[in-house]
Amino acid sequence: MIRSAGTDAVEELLRLSQATADEDPLKALAAANALRRRAERLEAVQVRRARAHGLPWTRIAEALGVSKQAVHKKYGGRRGER
């Protein structure tokens, strides 16, 4: 079976999500931190992908539930996007 990067990412997120229920609070916190970092990386990839497909900042911001200014400030400085 050929695995995609998306499938691997989903499996990793699921594993990390389950690990946040660990009995050991420090292990659960570490898993929550890893989950947040992974989600941030996935978001950045999808924002770049959306821009590559010609989507405007307003549509990306709507999908993320933030203002156009917030998403542009966070991601707009890359590769001359500003």
PDB file of N, CA and C in Angstrom:
ATOM      1  N   MET A   1       0.835  -1.178   0.000  1.00  0.00           N
ATOM      2  CA  MET A   1       0.000   0.000   0.000  1.00  0.00           C
ATOM      3  C   MET A   1       0.885   1.249   0.000  1.00  0.00           C
ATOM      4  N   ILE A   2       0.598   2.181  -0.878  1.00  0.00           N
ATOM      5  CA  ILE A   2       1.343   3.431  -0.948  1.00  0.00           C
ATOM      6  C   ILE A   2       0.742   4.403   0.060  1.00  0.00           C
ATOM      7  N   ARG A   3       1.597   4.943   0.904  1.00  0.00           N
ATOM      8  CA  ARG A   3       1.139   5.877   1.929  1.00  0.00           C
ATOM      9  C   ARG A   3       1.427   7.298   1.462  1.00  0.00           C
ATOM     10  N   SER A   4       0.531   8.194   1.765  1.00  0.00           N
ATOM     11  CA  SER A   4       0.744   9.594   1.417  1.00  0.00           C
ATOM     12  C   SER A   4       1.196  10.356   2.654  1.00  0.00           C
ATOM     13  N   ALA A   5       1.773  11.520   2.417  1.00  0.00           N
ATOM     14  CA  ALA A   5       2.189  12.371   3.534  1.00  0.00           C
ATOM     15  C   ALA A   5       0.976  12.772   4.361  1.00  0.00           C
ATOM     16  N   GLY A   6      -0.164  12.965   3.703  1.00  0.00           N
ATOM     17  CA  GLY A   6      -1.389  13.322   4.417  1.00  0.00           C
ATOM     18  C   GLY A   6      -1.841  12.223   5.352  1.00  0.00           C
ATOM     19  N   THR A   7      -1.751  10.977   4.891  1.00  0.00           N
ATOM     20  CA  THR A   7      -2.133   9.837   5.727  1.00  0.00           C
ATOM     21  C   THR A   7      -1.211   9.741   6.934  1.00  0.00           C
ATOM     22  N   ASP A   8       0.077   9.911   6.705  1.00  0.00           N
ATOM     23  CA  ASP A   8       1.037   9.869   7.807  1.00  0.00           C
ATOM     24  C   ASP A   8       0.757  10.982   8.815  1.00  0.00           C
ATOM     25  N   ALA A   9       0.439  12.172   8.325  1.00  0.00           N
ATOM     26  CA  ALA A   9       0.159  13.303   9.214  1.00  0.00           C
ATOM     27  C   ALA A   9      -1.078  13.035  10.059  1.00  0.00           C
ATOM     28  N   VAL A  10      -2.113  12.502   9.446  1.00  0.00           N
ATOM     29  CA  VAL A  10      -3.344  12.195  10.181  1.00  0.00           C
ATOM     30  C   VAL A  10      -3.072  11.155  11.253  1.00  0.00           C
ATOM     31  N   GLU A  11      -2.320  10.131  10.905  1.00  0.00           N
ATOM     32  CA  GLU A  11      -1.992   9.091  11.888  1.00  0.00           C
ATOM     33  C   GLU A  11      -1.164   9.657  13.036  1.00  0.00           C
ATOM     34  N   GLU A  12      -0.236  10.552  12.717  1.00  0.00           N
ATOM     35  CA  GLU A  12       0.576  11.168  13.770  1.00  0.00           C
ATOM     36  C   GLU A  12      -0.296  12.028  14.681  1.00  0.00           C
ATOM     37  N   LEU A  13      -1.196  12.806  14.091  1.00  0.00           N
ATOM     38  CA  LEU A  13      -2.089  13.639  14.899  1.00  0.00           C
ATOM     39  C   LEU A  13      -2.981  12.789  15.791  1.00  0.00           C
ATOM     40  N   LEU A  14      -3.476  11.689  15.265  1.00  0.00           N
ATOM     41  CA  LEU A  14      -4.313  10.786  16.055  1.00  0.00           C
ATOM     42  C   LEU A  14      -3.515  10.197  17.218  1.00  0.00           C
ATOM     43  N   ARG A  15      -2.298   9.750  16.936  1.00  0.00           N
ATOM     44  CA  ARG A  15      -1.444   9.186  17.983  1.00  0.00           C
ATOM     45  C   ARG A  15      -1.164  10.219  19.066  1.00  0.00           C
ATOM     46  N   LEU A  16      -0.825  11.442  18.663  1.00  0.00           N
ATOM     47  CA  LEU A  16      -0.541  12.493  19.636  1.00  0.00           C
ATOM     48  C   LEU A  16      -1.789  12.869  20.426  1.00  0.00           C
ATOM     49  N   SER A  17      -2.920  12.910  19.740  1.00  0.00           N
ATOM     50  CA  SER A  17      -4.182  13.218  20.414  1.00  0.00           C
ATOM     51  C   SER A  17      -4.482  12.194  21.499  1.00  0.00           C
ATOM     52  N   GLN A  18      -4.295  10.943  21.190  1.00  0.00           N
ATOM     53  CA  GLN A  18      -4.534   9.881  22.168  1.00  0.00           C
ATOM     54  C   GLN A  18      -3.543   9.969  23.326  1.00  0.00           C
ATOM     55  N   ALA A  19      -2.324  10.382  23.034  1.00  0.00           N
ATOM     56  CA  ALA A  19      -1.298  10.480  24.076  1.00  0.00           C
ATOM     57  C   ALA A  19      -1.597  11.597  25.073  1.00  0.00           C
ATOM     58  N   THR A  20      -2.421  12.574  24.694  1.00  0.00           N
ATOM     59  CA  THR A  20      -2.758  13.643  25.637  1.00  0.00           C
ATOM     60  C   THR A  20      -3.616  13.133  26.783  1.00  0.00           C
ATOM     61  N   ALA A  21      -4.150  11.933  26.670  1.00  0.00           N
ATOM     62  CA  ALA A  21      -4.950  11.336  27.741  1.00  0.00           C
ATOM     63  C   ALA A  21      -4.100  10.474  28.673  1.00  0.00           C
ATOM     64  N   ASP A  22      -2.794  10.508  28.500  1.00  0.00           N
ATOM     65  CA  ASP A  22      -1.895   9.694  29.326  1.00  0.00           C
ATOM     66  C   ASP A  22      -2.101  10.004  30.808  1.00  0.00           C
ATOM     67  N   GLU A  23      -1.978   8.993  31.634  1.00  0.00           N
ATOM     68  CA  GLU A  23      -2.106   9.151  33.090  1.00  0.00           C
ATOM     69  C   GLU A  23      -1.042  10.104  33.648  1.00  0.00           C
ATOM     70  N   ASP A  24       0.130  10.076  33.061  1.00  0.00           N
ATOM     71  CA  ASP A  24       1.226  10.934  33.513  1.00  0.00           C
ATOM     72  C   ASP A  24       1.017  12.335  32.937  1.00  0.00           C
ATOM     73  N   PRO A  25       0.777  13.345  33.791  1.00  0.00           N
ATOM     74  CA  PRO A  25       0.508  14.693  33.287  1.00  0.00           C
ATOM     75  C   PRO A  25       1.643  15.265  32.446  1.00  0.00           C
ATOM     76  N   LEU A  26       2.886  14.936  32.777  1.00  0.00           N
ATOM     77  CA  LEU A  26       4.003  15.460  31.993  1.00  0.00           C
ATOM     78  C   LEU A  26       4.038  14.847  30.598  1.00  0.00           C
ATOM     79  N   LYS A  27       3.735  13.575  30.492  1.00  0.00           N
ATOM     80  CA  LYS A  27       3.661  12.939  29.170  1.00  0.00           C
ATOM     81  C   LYS A  27       2.505  13.524  28.369  1.00  0.00           C
ATOM     82  N   ALA A  28       1.378  13.766  29.030  1.00  0.00           N
ATOM     83  CA  ALA A  28       0.219  14.351  28.347  1.00  0.00           C
ATOM     84  C   ALA A  28       0.530  15.768  27.872  1.00  0.00           C
ATOM     85  N   LEU A  29       1.226  16.552  28.697  1.00  0.00           N
ATOM     86  CA  LEU A  29       1.617  17.907  28.295  1.00  0.00           C
ATOM     87  C   LEU A  29       2.585  17.878  27.118  1.00  0.00           C
ATOM     88  N   ALA A  30       3.543  16.975  27.156  1.00  0.00           N
ATOM     89  CA  ALA A  30       4.497  16.852  26.050  1.00  0.00           C
ATOM     90  C   ALA A  30       3.774  16.468  24.763  1.00  0.00           C
ATOM     91  N   ALA A  31       2.797  15.585  24.868  1.00  0.00           N
ATOM     92  CA  ALA A  31       2.019  15.184  23.689  1.00  0.00           C
ATOM     93  C   ALA A  31       1.191  16.353  23.172  1.00  0.00           C
ATOM     94  N   ALA A  32       0.599  17.133  24.077  1.00  0.00           N
ATOM     95  CA  ALA A  32      -0.189  18.299  23.660  1.00  0.00           C
ATOM     96  C   ALA A  32       0.699  19.317  22.953  1.00  0.00           C
ATOM     97  N   ASN A  33       1.898  19.515  23.460  1.00  0.00           N
ATOM     98  CA  ASN A  33       2.847  20.431  22.836  1.00  0.00           C
ATOM     99  C   ASN A  33       3.237  19.942  21.441  1.00  0.00           C
ATOM    100  N   ALA A  34       3.530  18.662  21.314  1.00  0.00           N
ATOM    101  CA  ALA A  34       3.885  18.094  20.008  1.00  0.00           C
ATOM    102  C   ALA A  34       2.714  18.191  19.036  1.00  0.00           C
ATOM    103  N   LEU A  35       1.505  17.985  19.538  1.00  0.00           N
ATOM    104  CA  LEU A  35       0.305  18.083  18.709  1.00  0.00           C
ATOM    105  C   LEU A  35       0.130  19.507  18.186  1.00  0.00           C
ATOM    106  N   ARG A  36       0.314  20.494  19.057  1.00  0.00           N
ATOM    107  CA  ARG A  36       0.195  21.896  18.651  1.00  0.00           C
ATOM    108  C   ARG A  36       1.235  22.250  17.597  1.00  0.00           C
ATOM    109  N   ARG A  37       2.500  21.834  17.810  1.00  0.00           N
ATOM    110  CA  ARG A  37       3.554  22.142  16.837  1.00  0.00           C
ATOM    111  C   ARG A  37       3.263  21.510  15.483  1.00  0.00           C
ATOM    112  N   ARG A  38       2.798  20.263  15.502  1.00  0.00           N
ATOM    113  CA  ARG A  38       2.490  19.565  14.248  1.00  0.00           C
ATOM    114  C   ARG A  38       1.327  20.246  13.531  1.00  0.00           C
ATOM    115  N   ALA A  39       0.313  20.633  14.284  1.00  0.00           N
ATOM    116  CA  ALA A  39      -0.838  21.313  13.686  1.00  0.00           C
ATOM    117  C   ALA A  39      -0.414  22.647  13.068  1.00  0.00           C
ATOM    118  N   GLU A  40       0.486  23.366  13.724  1.00  0.00           N
ATOM    119  CA  GLU A  40       0.980  24.630  13.175  1.00  0.00           C
ATOM    120  C   GLU A  40       1.737  24.409  11.866  1.00  0.00           C
ATOM    121  N   ARG A  41       2.536  23.346  11.810  1.00  0.00           N
ATOM    122  CA  ARG A  41       3.257  23.038  10.557  1.00  0.00           C
ATOM    123  C   ARG A  41       2.279  22.687   9.440  1.00  0.00           C
ATOM    124  N   LEU A  42       1.257  21.899   9.773  1.00  0.00           N
ATOM    125  CA  LEU A  42       0.257  21.533   8.766  1.00  0.00           C
ATOM    126  C   LEU A  42      -0.497  22.761   8.272  1.00  0.00           C
ATOM    127  N   GLU A  43      -0.815  23.668   9.183  1.00  0.00           N
ATOM    128  CA  GLU A  43      -1.500  24.892   8.787  1.00  0.00           C
ATOM    129  C   GLU A  43      -0.639  25.699   7.822  1.00  0.00           C
ATOM    130  N   ALA A  44       0.641  25.836   8.124  1.00  0.00           N
ATOM    131  CA  ALA A  44       1.542  26.595   7.253  1.00  0.00           C
ATOM    132  C   ALA A  44       1.614  25.979   5.861  1.00  0.00           C
ATOM    133  N   VAL A  45       1.689  24.672   5.794  1.00  0.00           N
ATOM    134  CA  VAL A  45       1.721  23.979   4.501  1.00  0.00           C
ATOM    135  C   VAL A  45       0.442  24.259   3.724  1.00  0.00           C
ATOM    136  N   GLN A  46      -0.690  24.193   4.385  1.00  0.00           N
ATOM    137  CA  GLN A  46      -1.960  24.393   3.696  1.00  0.00           C
ATOM    138  C   GLN A  46      -2.160  25.849   3.269  1.00  0.00           C
ATOM    139  N   VAL A  47      -1.648  26.790   4.045  1.00  0.00           N
ATOM    140  CA  VAL A  47      -1.720  28.200   3.639  1.00  0.00           C
ATOM    141  C   VAL A  47      -0.886  28.399   2.377  1.00  0.00           C
ATOM    142  N   ARG A  48       0.331  27.855   2.351  1.00  0.00           N
ATOM    143  CA  ARG A  48       1.163  27.972   1.136  1.00  0.00           C
ATOM    144  C   ARG A  48       0.473  27.321  -0.054  1.00  0.00           C
ATOM    145  N   ARG A  49      -0.151  26.190   0.191  1.00  0.00           N
ATOM    146  CA  ARG A  49      -0.860  25.480  -0.881  1.00  0.00           C
ATOM    147  C   ARG A  49      -2.040  26.310  -1.397  1.00  0.00           C
ATOM    148  N   ALA A  50      -2.775  26.908  -0.478  1.00  0.00           N
ATOM    149  CA  ALA A  50      -3.910  27.749  -0.876  1.00  0.00           C
ATOM    150  C   ALA A  50      -3.438  28.942  -1.701  1.00  0.00           C
ATOM    151  N   ARG A  51      -2.345  29.571  -1.282  1.00  0.00           N
ATOM    152  CA  ARG A  51      -1.811  30.705  -2.039  1.00  0.00           C
ATOM    153  C   ARG A  51      -1.327  30.251  -3.414  1.00  0.00           C
ATOM    154  N   ALA A  52      -0.697  29.086  -3.481  1.00  0.00           N
ATOM    155  CA  ALA A  52      -0.219  28.558  -4.763  1.00  0.00           C
ATOM    156  C   ALA A  52      -1.381  28.290  -5.715  1.00  0.00           C
ATOM    157  N   HIS A  53      -2.554  28.011  -5.150  1.00  0.00           N
ATOM    158  CA  HIS A  53      -3.752  27.801  -5.962  1.00  0.00           C
ATOM    159  C   HIS A  53      -4.484  29.111  -6.258  1.00  0.00           C
ATOM    160  N   GLY A  54      -3.885  30.226  -5.859  1.00  0.00           N
ATOM    161  CA  GLY A  54      -4.441  31.530  -6.179  1.00  0.00           C
ATOM    162  C   GLY A  54      -5.517  32.041  -5.237  1.00  0.00           C
ATOM    163  N   LEU A  55      -5.701  31.394  -4.110  1.00  0.00           N
ATOM    164  CA  LEU A  55      -6.724  31.857  -3.169  1.00  0.00           C
ATOM    165  C   LEU A  55      -6.276  33.146  -2.495  1.00  0.00           C
ATOM    166  N   PRO A  56      -7.181  34.109  -2.346  1.00  0.00           N
ATOM    167  CA  PRO A  56      -6.825  35.372  -1.693  1.00  0.00           C
ATOM    168  C   PRO A  56      -6.736  35.212  -0.176  1.00  0.00           C
ATOM    169  N   TRP A  57      -6.023  36.148   0.437  1.00  0.00           N
ATOM    170  CA  TRP A  57      -5.856  36.118   1.888  1.00  0.00           C
ATOM    171  C   TRP A  57      -7.195  36.125   2.621  1.00  0.00           C
ATOM    172  N   THR A  58      -8.180  36.821   2.078  1.00  0.00           N
ATOM    173  CA  THR A  58      -9.484  36.879   2.761  1.00  0.00           C
ATOM    174  C   THR A  58     -10.119  35.500   2.877  1.00  0.00           C
ATOM    175  N   ARG A  59     -10.047  34.710   1.834  1.00  0.00           N
ATOM    176  CA  ARG A  59     -10.626  33.352   1.872  1.00  0.00           C
ATOM    177  C   ARG A  59      -9.857  32.452   2.826  1.00  0.00           C
ATOM    178  N   ILE A  60      -8.539  32.576   2.826  1.00  0.00           N
ATOM    179  CA  ILE A  60      -7.712  31.782   3.736  1.00  0.00           C
ATOM    180  C   ILE A  60      -8.036  32.156   5.179  1.00  0.00           C
ATOM    181  N   ALA A  61      -8.133  33.458   5.436  1.00  0.00           N
ATOM    182  CA  ALA A  61      -8.458  33.933   6.786  1.00  0.00           C
ATOM    183  C   ALA A  61      -9.811  33.404   7.244  1.00  0.00           C
ATOM    184  N   GLU A  62     -10.795  33.429   6.359  1.00  0.00           N
ATOM    185  CA  GLU A  62     -12.127  32.906   6.701  1.00  0.00           C
ATOM    186  C   GLU A  62     -12.050  31.430   7.082  1.00  0.00           C
ATOM    187  N   ALA A  63     -11.301  30.662   6.318  1.00  0.00           N
ATOM    188  CA  ALA A  63     -11.179  29.225   6.591  1.00  0.00           C
ATOM    189  C   ALA A  63     -10.509  28.962   7.940  1.00  0.00           C
ATOM    190  N   LEU A  64      -9.610  29.858   8.337  1.00  0.00           N
ATOM    191  CA  LEU A  64      -8.898  29.696   9.605  1.00  0.00           C
ATOM    192  C   LEU A  64      -9.614  30.367  10.776  1.00  0.00           C
ATOM    193  N   GLY A  65     -10.645  31.145  10.470  1.00  0.00           N
ATOM    194  CA  GLY A  65     -11.384  31.823  11.534  1.00  0.00           C
ATOM    195  C   GLY A  65     -10.632  32.990  12.150  1.00  0.00           C
ATOM    196  N   VAL A  66      -9.810  33.649  11.329  1.00  0.00           N
ATOM    197  CA  VAL A  66      -9.046  34.805  11.796  1.00  0.00           C
ATOM    198  C   VAL A  66      -9.222  35.944  10.799  1.00  0.00           C
ATOM    199  N   SER A  67      -8.671  37.104  11.133  1.00  0.00           N
ATOM    200  CA  SER A  67      -8.759  38.234  10.215  1.00  0.00           C
ATOM    201  C   SER A  67      -7.746  38.086   9.083  1.00  0.00           C
ATOM    202  N   LYS A  68      -8.019  38.792   7.994  1.00  0.00           N
ATOM    203  CA  LYS A  68      -7.088  38.796   6.863  1.00  0.00           C
ATOM    204  C   LYS A  68      -5.729  39.324   7.320  1.00  0.00           C
ATOM    205  N   GLN A  69      -5.750  40.355   8.154  1.00  0.00           N
ATOM    206  CA  GLN A  69      -4.507  40.945   8.639  1.00  0.00           C
ATOM    207  C   GLN A  69      -3.696  39.940   9.464  1.00  0.00           C
ATOM    208  N   ALA A  70      -4.394  39.164  10.297  1.00  0.00           N
ATOM    209  CA  ALA A  70      -3.692  38.188  11.145  1.00  0.00           C
ATOM    210  C   ALA A  70      -3.009  37.112  10.308  1.00  0.00           C
ATOM    211  N   VAL A  71      -3.731  36.580   9.326  1.00  0.00           N
ATOM    212  CA  VAL A  71      -3.140  35.511   8.515  1.00  0.00           C
ATOM    213  C   VAL A  71      -2.033  36.060   7.623  1.00  0.00           C
ATOM    214  N   HIS A  72      -2.209  37.273   7.126  1.00  0.00           N
ATOM    215  CA  HIS A  72      -1.179  37.873   6.278  1.00  0.00           C
ATOM    216  C   HIS A  72       0.063  38.191   7.101  1.00  0.00           C
ATOM    217  N   LYS A  73      -0.127  38.659   8.330  1.00  0.00           N
ATOM    218  CA  LYS A  73       1.013  38.949   9.200  1.00  0.00           C
ATOM    219  C   LYS A  73       1.791  37.672   9.516  1.00  0.00           C
ATOM    220  N   LYS A  74       1.062  36.590   9.768  1.00  0.00           N
ATOM    221  CA  LYS A  74       1.708  35.332  10.139  1.00  0.00           C
ATOM    222  C   LYS A  74       2.394  34.657   8.958  1.00  0.00           C
ATOM    223  N   TYR A  75       1.777  34.704   7.779  1.00  0.00           N
ATOM    224  CA  TYR A  75       2.288  33.936   6.638  1.00  0.00           C
ATOM    225  C   TYR A  75       2.681  34.780   5.430  1.00  0.00           C
ATOM    226  N   GLY A  76       2.339  36.045   5.409  1.00  0.00           N
ATOM    227  CA  GLY A  76       2.514  36.854   4.211  1.00  0.00           C
ATOM    228  C   GLY A  76       3.915  37.302   3.897  1.00  0.00           C
ATOM    229  N   GLY A  77       4.819  37.227   4.851  1.00  0.00           N
ATOM    230  CA  GLY A  77       6.165  37.713   4.621  1.00  0.00           C
ATOM    231  C   GLY A  77       7.049  36.761   3.852  1.00  0.00           C
ATOM    232  N   ARG A  78       6.547  35.602   3.555  1.00  0.00           N
ATOM    233  CA  ARG A  78       7.373  34.591   2.892  1.00  0.00           C
ATOM    234  C   ARG A  78       7.325  34.751   1.378  1.00  0.00           C
ATOM    235  N   ARG A  79       8.495  34.665   0.784  1.00  0.00           N
ATOM    236  CA  ARG A  79       8.622  34.669  -0.682  1.00  0.00           C
ATOM    237  C   ARG A  79       7.949  35.883  -1.330  1.00  0.00           C
ATOM    238  N   GLY A  80       8.133  37.045  -0.729  1.00  0.00           N
ATOM    239  CA  GLY A  80       7.626  38.266  -1.335  1.00  0.00           C
ATOM    240  C   GLY A  80       6.123  38.368  -1.404  1.00  0.00           C
ATOM    241  N   GLU A  81       5.411  37.739  -0.513  1.00  0.00           N
ATOM    242  CA  GLU A  81       3.948  37.766  -0.541  1.00  0.00           C
ATOM    243  C   GLU A  81       3.380  39.110  -0.110  1.00  0.00           C
ATOM    244  N   ARG A  82       4.136  39.911   0.613  1.00  0.00           N
ATOM    245  CA  ARG A  82       3.600  41.181   1.127  1.00  0.00           C
ATOM    246  C   ARG A  82       3.498  42.214   0.059  1.00  0.00           C
TER     247      ARG A  82
END
